[in-house]
């Protein structure tokens, strides 16, 4: 139930954002989750989540910006 509430809250928060901001938010969440899973296997879940979140936010922002530029053309 907590995960569903978090997803709904995130969707509402991202509704008025630009493409880059939406991409960064989604990428950060996805990257943090994946980083935590990978880090957990070596005993460093928190560090993995931080690194994955940062990389995911950067990649997501670039992808969101590119999608926004493509839609504008």
PDB file of N, CA and C in Angstrom:
ATOM      1  N   UNK A   1       0.817  -1.189   0.000  1.00  0.00           N
ATOM      2  CA  UNK A   1       0.000   0.000   0.000  1.00  0.00           C
ATOM      3  C   UNK A   1       0.866   1.260   0.000  1.00  0.00           C
ATOM      4  N   UNK A   2       1.999   1.212   0.717  1.00  0.00           N
ATOM      5  CA  UNK A   2       2.885   2.378   0.769  1.00  0.00           C
ATOM      6  C   UNK A   2       3.477   2.681  -0.601  1.00  0.00           C
ATOM      7  N   UNK A   3       3.813   1.640  -1.342  1.00  0.00           N
ATOM      8  CA  UNK A   3       4.392   1.840  -2.668  1.00  0.00           C
ATOM      9  C   UNK A   3       3.387   2.495  -3.604  1.00  0.00           C
ATOM     10  N   UNK A   4       2.134   2.051  -3.525  1.00  0.00           N
ATOM     11  CA  UNK A   4       1.094   2.631  -4.373  1.00  0.00           C
ATOM     12  C   UNK A   4       0.892   4.103  -4.038  1.00  0.00           C
ATOM     13  N   UNK A   5       0.869   4.430  -2.753  1.00  0.00           N
ATOM     14  CA  UNK A   5       0.696   5.825  -2.324  1.00  0.00           C
ATOM     15  C   UNK A   5       1.866   6.680  -2.804  1.00  0.00           C
ATOM     16  N   UNK A   6       3.067   6.136  -2.752  1.00  0.00           N
ATOM     17  CA  UNK A   6       4.242   6.864  -3.221  1.00  0.00           C
ATOM     18  C   UNK A   6       4.162   7.115  -4.725  1.00  0.00           C
ATOM     19  N   UNK A   7       3.716   6.136  -5.470  1.00  0.00           N
ATOM     20  CA  UNK A   7       3.591   6.297  -6.927  1.00  0.00           C
ATOM     21  C   UNK A   7       2.546   7.352  -7.265  1.00  0.00           C
ATOM     22  N   UNK A   8       1.413   7.324  -6.571  1.00  0.00           N
ATOM     23  CA  UNK A   8       0.367   8.321  -6.812  1.00  0.00           C
ATOM     24  C   UNK A   8       0.865   9.708  -6.454  1.00  0.00           C
ATOM     25  N   UNK A   9       1.536   9.844  -5.324  1.00  0.00           N
ATOM     26  CA  UNK A   9       2.079  11.137  -4.910  1.00  0.00           C
ATOM     27  C   UNK A   9       3.093  11.659  -5.913  1.00  0.00           C
ATOM     28  N   UNK A  10       3.942  10.777  -6.413  1.00  0.00           N
ATOM     29  CA  UNK A  10       4.940  11.182  -7.397  1.00  0.00           C
ATOM     30  C   UNK A  10       4.281  11.617  -8.706  1.00  0.00           C
ATOM     31  N   UNK A  11       3.245  10.911  -9.128  1.00  0.00           N
ATOM     32  CA  UNK A  11       2.543  11.272 -10.363  1.00  0.00           C
ATOM     33  C   UNK A  11       1.898  12.649 -10.237  1.00  0.00           C
ATOM     34  N   UNK A  12       1.317  12.935  -9.102  1.00  0.00           N
ATOM     35  CA  UNK A  12       0.692  14.241  -8.881  1.00  0.00           C
ATOM     36  C   UNK A  12       1.751  15.339  -8.838  1.00  0.00           C
ATOM     37  N   UNK A  13       2.860  15.064  -8.188  1.00  0.00           N
ATOM     38  CA  UNK A  13       3.926  16.062  -8.072  1.00  0.00           C
ATOM     39  C   UNK A  13       4.561  16.379  -9.419  1.00  0.00           C
ATOM     40  N   UNK A  14       4.649  15.394 -10.302  1.00  0.00           N
ATOM     41  CA  UNK A  14       5.300  15.583 -11.591  1.00  0.00           C
ATOM     42  C   UNK A  14       4.356  16.105 -12.668  1.00  0.00           C
ATOM     43  N   UNK A  15       3.089  16.261 -12.365  1.00  0.00           N
ATOM     44  CA  UNK A  15       2.105  16.630 -13.386  1.00  0.00           C
ATOM     45  C   UNK A  15       2.412  17.964 -14.051  1.00  0.00           C
ATOM     46  N   UNK A  16       2.886  18.952 -13.323  1.00  0.00           N
ATOM     47  CA  UNK A  16       3.128  20.265 -13.903  1.00  0.00           C
ATOM     48  C   UNK A  16       4.578  20.542 -14.242  1.00  0.00           C
ATOM     49  N   UNK A  17       5.393  19.550 -14.287  1.00  0.00           N
ATOM     50  CA  UNK A  17       6.819  19.741 -14.518  1.00  0.00           C
ATOM     51  C   UNK A  17       7.171  19.658 -16.006  1.00  0.00           C
ATOM     52  N   UNK A  18       8.359  20.145 -16.332  1.00  0.00           N
ATOM     53  CA  UNK A  18       8.851  20.035 -17.704  1.00  0.00           C
ATOM     54  C   UNK A  18       9.272  18.594 -17.974  1.00  0.00           C
ATOM     55  N   UNK A  19       9.557  18.297 -19.224  1.00  0.00           N
ATOM     56  CA  UNK A  19       9.982  16.950 -19.593  1.00  0.00           C
ATOM     57  C   UNK A  19      11.264  16.532 -18.902  1.00  0.00           C
ATOM     58  N   UNK A  20      12.206  17.460 -18.791  1.00  0.00           N
ATOM     59  CA  UNK A  20      13.477  17.146 -18.129  1.00  0.00           C
ATOM     60  C   UNK A  20      13.261  16.868 -16.646  1.00  0.00           C
ATOM     61  N   UNK A  21      12.375  17.628 -16.008  1.00  0.00           N
ATOM     62  CA  UNK A  21      12.109  17.415 -14.588  1.00  0.00           C
ATOM     63  C   UNK A  21      11.399  16.096 -14.353  1.00  0.00           C
ATOM     64  N   UNK A  22      10.440  15.775 -15.213  1.00  0.00           N
ATOM     65  CA  UNK A  22       9.747  14.493 -15.095  1.00  0.00           C
ATOM     66  C   UNK A  22      10.720  13.341 -15.298  1.00  0.00           C
ATOM     67  N   UNK A  23      11.561  13.461 -16.321  1.00  0.00           N
ATOM     68  CA  UNK A  23      12.547  12.416 -16.589  1.00  0.00           C
ATOM     69  C   UNK A  23      13.516  12.238 -15.445  1.00  0.00           C
ATOM     70  N   UNK A  24      13.936  13.350 -14.836  1.00  0.00           N
ATOM     71  CA  UNK A  24      14.866  13.276 -13.714  1.00  0.00           C
ATOM     72  C   UNK A  24      14.218  12.590 -12.522  1.00  0.00           C
ATOM     73  N   UNK A  25      12.971  12.922 -12.256  1.00  0.00           N
ATOM     74  CA  UNK A  25      12.273  12.303 -11.123  1.00  0.00           C
ATOM     75  C   UNK A  25      12.074  10.812 -11.306  1.00  0.00           C
ATOM     76  N   UNK A  26      11.617  10.441 -12.469  1.00  0.00           N
ATOM     77  CA  UNK A  26      11.384   9.024 -12.752  1.00  0.00           C
ATOM     78  C   UNK A  26      12.707   8.266 -12.786  1.00  0.00           C
ATOM     79  N   UNK A  27      13.722   8.869 -13.414  1.00  0.00           N
ATOM     80  CA  UNK A  27      15.033   8.222 -13.482  1.00  0.00           C
ATOM     81  C   UNK A  27      15.672   8.053 -12.115  1.00  0.00           C
ATOM     82  N   UNK A  28      15.486   9.039 -11.238  1.00  0.00           N
ATOM     83  CA  UNK A  28      16.058   8.951  -9.898  1.00  0.00           C
ATOM     84  C   UNK A  28      15.439   7.808  -9.110  1.00  0.00           C
ATOM     85  N   UNK A  29      14.128   7.681  -9.193  1.00  0.00           N
ATOM     86  CA  UNK A  29      13.447   6.597  -8.467  1.00  0.00           C
ATOM     87  C   UNK A  29      13.859   5.238  -9.016  1.00  0.00           C
ATOM     88  N   UNK A  30      13.854   5.107 -10.331  1.00  0.00           N
ATOM     89  CA  UNK A  30      14.229   3.831 -10.938  1.00  0.00           C
ATOM     90  C   UNK A  30      15.695   3.493 -10.656  1.00  0.00           C
ATOM     91  N   UNK A  31      16.564   4.492 -10.781  1.00  0.00           N
ATOM     92  CA  UNK A  31      17.988   4.265 -10.531  1.00  0.00           C
ATOM     93  C   UNK A  31      18.276   3.918  -9.084  1.00  0.00           C
ATOM     94  N   UNK A  32      17.583   4.593  -8.161  1.00  0.00           N
ATOM     95  CA  UNK A  32      17.795   4.302  -6.744  1.00  0.00           C
ATOM     96  C   UNK A  32      17.346   2.885  -6.408  1.00  0.00           C
ATOM     97  N   UNK A  33      16.224   2.475  -6.973  1.00  0.00           N
ATOM     98  CA  UNK A  33      15.755   1.111  -6.729  1.00  0.00           C
ATOM     99  C   UNK A  33      16.713   0.066  -7.259  1.00  0.00           C
ATOM    100  N   UNK A  34      17.165   0.274  -8.477  1.00  0.00           N
ATOM    101  CA  UNK A  34      18.098  -0.677  -9.078  1.00  0.00           C
ATOM    102  C   UNK A  34      19.448  -0.660  -8.348  1.00  0.00           C
ATOM    103  N   UNK A  35      19.903   0.547  -7.983  1.00  0.00           N
ATOM    104  CA  UNK A  35      21.166   0.646  -7.244  1.00  0.00           C
ATOM    105  C   UNK A  35      21.094  -0.031  -5.889  1.00  0.00           C
ATOM    106  N   UNK A  36      19.950   0.085  -5.210  1.00  0.00           N
ATOM    107  CA  UNK A  36      19.790  -0.559  -3.907  1.00  0.00           C
ATOM    108  C   UNK A  36      19.820  -2.077  -4.041  1.00  0.00           C
ATOM    109  N   UNK A  37      19.185  -2.582  -5.095  1.00  0.00           N
ATOM    110  CA  UNK A  37      19.180  -4.034  -5.317  1.00  0.00           C
ATOM    111  C   UNK A  37      20.597  -4.533  -5.579  1.00  0.00           C
ATOM    112  N   UNK A  38      21.317  -3.839  -6.442  1.00  0.00           N
ATOM    113  CA  UNK A  38      22.688  -4.259  -6.754  1.00  0.00           C
ATOM    114  C   UNK A  38      23.592  -4.089  -5.535  1.00  0.00           C
ATOM    115  N   UNK A  39      23.448  -2.946  -4.835  1.00  0.00           N
ATOM    116  CA  UNK A  39      24.266  -2.711  -3.646  1.00  0.00           C
ATOM    117  C   UNK A  39      23.987  -3.680  -2.522  1.00  0.00           C
ATOM    118  N   UNK A  40      22.737  -4.119  -2.393  1.00  0.00           N
ATOM    119  CA  UNK A  40      22.355  -5.052  -1.335  1.00  0.00           C
ATOM    120  C   UNK A  40      23.145  -6.350  -1.441  1.00  0.00           C
ATOM    121  N   UNK A  41      23.435  -6.767  -2.653  1.00  0.00           N
ATOM    122  CA  UNK A  41      24.147  -8.024  -2.853  1.00  0.00           C
ATOM    123  C   UNK A  41      25.571  -7.971  -2.335  1.00  0.00           C
ATOM    124  N   UNK A  42      26.132  -6.765  -2.225  1.00  0.00           N
ATOM    125  CA  UNK A  42      27.481  -6.644  -1.675  1.00  0.00           C
ATOM    126  C   UNK A  42      27.483  -5.997  -0.298  1.00  0.00           C
ATOM    127  N   UNK A  43      26.298  -5.817   0.290  1.00  0.00           N
ATOM    128  CA  UNK A  43      26.207  -5.248   1.628  1.00  0.00           C
ATOM    129  C   UNK A  43      26.233  -3.733   1.667  1.00  0.00           C
ATOM    130  N   UNK A  44      26.027  -3.077   0.541  1.00  0.00           N
ATOM    131  CA  UNK A  44      26.073  -1.621   0.469  1.00  0.00           C
ATOM    132  C   UNK A  44      24.823  -1.075  -0.222  1.00  0.00           C
ATOM    133  N   UNK A  45      23.653  -1.410   0.310  1.00  0.00           N
ATOM    134  CA  UNK A  45      22.393  -1.014  -0.324  1.00  0.00           C
ATOM    135  C   UNK A  45      22.221   0.505  -0.347  1.00  0.00           C
ATOM    136  N   UNK A  46      22.559   1.179   0.748  1.00  0.00           N
ATOM    137  CA  UNK A  46      22.366   2.632   0.813  1.00  0.00           C
ATOM    138  C   UNK A  46      23.270   3.352  -0.191  1.00  0.00           C
ATOM    139  N   UNK A  47      24.520   2.956  -0.252  1.00  0.00           N
ATOM    140  CA  UNK A  47      25.431   3.576  -1.209  1.00  0.00           C
ATOM    141  C   UNK A  47      24.992   3.297  -2.639  1.00  0.00           C
ATOM    142  N   UNK A  48      24.534   2.098  -2.902  1.00  0.00           N
ATOM    143  CA  UNK A  48      24.049   1.751  -4.239  1.00  0.00           C
ATOM    144  C   UNK A  48      22.840   2.577  -4.622  1.00  0.00           C
ATOM    145  N   UNK A  49      21.941   2.809  -3.664  1.00  0.00           N
ATOM    146  CA  UNK A  49      20.754   3.613  -3.934  1.00  0.00           C
ATOM    147  C   UNK A  49      21.131   5.061  -4.230  1.00  0.00           C
ATOM    148  N   UNK A  50      22.085   5.601  -3.495  1.00  0.00           N
ATOM    149  CA  UNK A  50      22.518   6.985  -3.735  1.00  0.00           C
ATOM    150  C   UNK A  50      23.165   7.142  -5.101  1.00  0.00           C
ATOM    151  N   UNK A  51      24.054   6.246  -5.432  1.00  0.00           N
ATOM    152  CA  UNK A  51      24.734   6.323  -6.726  1.00  0.00           C
ATOM    153  C   UNK A  51      23.741   6.085  -7.861  1.00  0.00           C
ATOM    154  N   UNK A  52      22.901   5.069  -7.724  1.00  0.00           N
ATOM    155  CA  UNK A  52      21.909   4.775  -8.754  1.00  0.00           C
ATOM    156  C   UNK A  52      20.922   5.910  -8.937  1.00  0.00           C
ATOM    157  N   UNK A  53      20.505   6.542  -7.842  1.00  0.00           N
ATOM    158  CA  UNK A  53      19.581   7.672  -7.924  1.00  0.00           C
ATOM    159  C   UNK A  53      20.189   8.857  -8.647  1.00  0.00           C
ATOM    160  N   UNK A  54      21.443   9.143  -8.351  1.00  0.00           N
ATOM    161  CA  UNK A  54      22.115  10.272  -9.005  1.00  0.00           C
ATOM    162  C   UNK A  54      22.291  10.019 -10.498  1.00  0.00           C
ATOM    163  N   UNK A  55      22.746   8.824 -10.846  1.00  0.00           N
ATOM    164  CA  UNK A  55      22.929   8.503 -12.259  1.00  0.00           C
ATOM    165  C   UNK A  55      21.593   8.431 -12.991  1.00  0.00           C
ATOM    166  N   UNK A  56      20.591   7.881 -12.336  1.00  0.00           N
ATOM    167  CA  UNK A  56      19.266   7.797 -12.940  1.00  0.00           C
ATOM    168  C   UNK A  56      18.654   9.173 -13.176  1.00  0.00           C
ATOM    169  N   UNK A  57      18.852  10.092 -12.232  1.00  0.00           N
ATOM    170  CA  UNK A  57      18.327  11.452 -12.384  1.00  0.00           C
ATOM    171  C   UNK A  57      18.983  12.153 -13.566  1.00  0.00           C
ATOM    172  N   UNK A  58      20.291  12.006 -13.693  1.00  0.00           N
ATOM    173  CA  UNK A  58      20.991  12.630 -14.823  1.00  0.00           C
ATOM    174  C   UNK A  58      20.549  12.072 -16.159  1.00  0.00           C
ATOM    175  N   UNK A  59      20.491  10.764 -16.244  1.00  0.00           N
ATOM    176  CA  UNK A  59      20.057  10.126 -17.487  1.00  0.00           C
ATOM    177  C   UNK A  59      18.607  10.420 -17.812  1.00  0.00           C
ATOM    178  N   UNK A  60      17.767  10.428 -16.794  1.00  0.00           N
ATOM    179  CA  UNK A  60      16.358  10.716 -16.998  1.00  0.00           C
ATOM    180  C   UNK A  60      16.117  12.143 -17.454  1.00  0.00           C
ATOM    181  N   UNK A  61      16.891  13.077 -16.906  1.00  0.00           N
ATOM    182  CA  UNK A  61      16.759  14.478 -17.321  1.00  0.00           C
ATOM    183  C   UNK A  61      17.144  14.653 -18.781  1.00  0.00           C
ATOM    184  N   UNK A  62      18.210  14.004 -19.191  1.00  0.00           N
ATOM    185  CA  UNK A  62      18.626  14.081 -20.594  1.00  0.00           C
ATOM    186  C   UNK A  62      17.584  13.460 -21.517  1.00  0.00           C
ATOM    187  N   UNK A  63      17.046  12.318 -21.126  1.00  0.00           N
ATOM    188  CA  UNK A  63      16.039  11.651 -21.949  1.00  0.00           C
ATOM    189  C   UNK A  63      14.755  12.471 -22.011  1.00  0.00           C
ATOM    190  N   UNK A  64      14.336  13.031 -20.875  1.00  0.00           N
ATOM    191  CA  UNK A  64      13.129  13.854 -20.847  1.00  0.00           C
ATOM    192  C   UNK A  64      13.268  15.105 -21.684  1.00  0.00           C
ATOM    193  N   UNK A  65      14.427  15.715 -21.640  1.00  0.00           N
ATOM    194  CA  UNK A  65      14.682  16.910 -22.447  1.00  0.00           C
ATOM    195  C   UNK A  65      14.670  16.573 -23.934  1.00  0.00           C
ATOM    196  N   UNK A  66      15.264  15.449 -24.289  1.00  0.00           N
ATOM    197  CA  UNK A  66      15.285  15.030 -25.693  1.00  0.00           C
ATOM    198  C   UNK A  66      13.876  14.717 -26.198  1.00  0.00           C
ATOM    199  N   UNK A  67      13.077  14.089 -25.357  1.00  0.00           N
ATOM    200  CA  UNK A  67      11.702  13.779 -25.752  1.00  0.00           C
ATOM    201  C   UNK A  67      10.887  15.058 -25.922  1.00  0.00           C
ATOM    202  N   UNK A  68      11.119  16.019 -25.056  1.00  0.00           N
ATOM    203  CA  UNK A  68      10.405  17.290 -25.146  1.00  0.00           C
ATOM    204  C   UNK A  68      10.799  18.039 -26.423  1.00  0.00           C
ATOM    205  N   UNK A  69      12.091  18.021 -26.769  1.00  0.00           N
ATOM    206  CA  UNK A  69      12.557  18.663 -27.990  1.00  0.00           C
ATOM    207  C   UNK A  69      11.976  17.978 -29.221  1.00  0.00           C
ATOM    208  N   UNK A  70      11.883  16.649 -29.178  1.00  0.00           N
ATOM    209  CA  UNK A  70      11.353  15.891 -30.302  1.00  0.00           C
ATOM    210  C   UNK A  70       9.871  16.194 -30.501  1.00  0.00           C
ATOM    211  N   UNK A  71       9.122  16.348 -29.423  1.00  0.00           N
ATOM    212  CA  UNK A  71       7.691  16.651 -29.514  1.00  0.00           C
ATOM    213  C   UNK A  71       7.452  18.067 -30.027  1.00  0.00           C
ATOM    214  N   UNK A  72       8.389  18.981 -29.758  1.00  0.00           N
ATOM    215  CA  UNK A  72       8.224  20.374 -30.176  1.00  0.00           C
ATOM    216  C   UNK A  72       8.418  20.535 -31.686  1.00  0.00           C
ATOM    217  N   UNK A  73       9.137  19.621 -32.306  1.00  0.00           N
ATOM    218  CA  UNK A  73       9.426  19.743 -33.750  1.00  0.00           C
ATOM    219  C   UNK A  73       8.308  19.276 -34.586  1.00  0.00           C
TER     220      UNK A  73
END
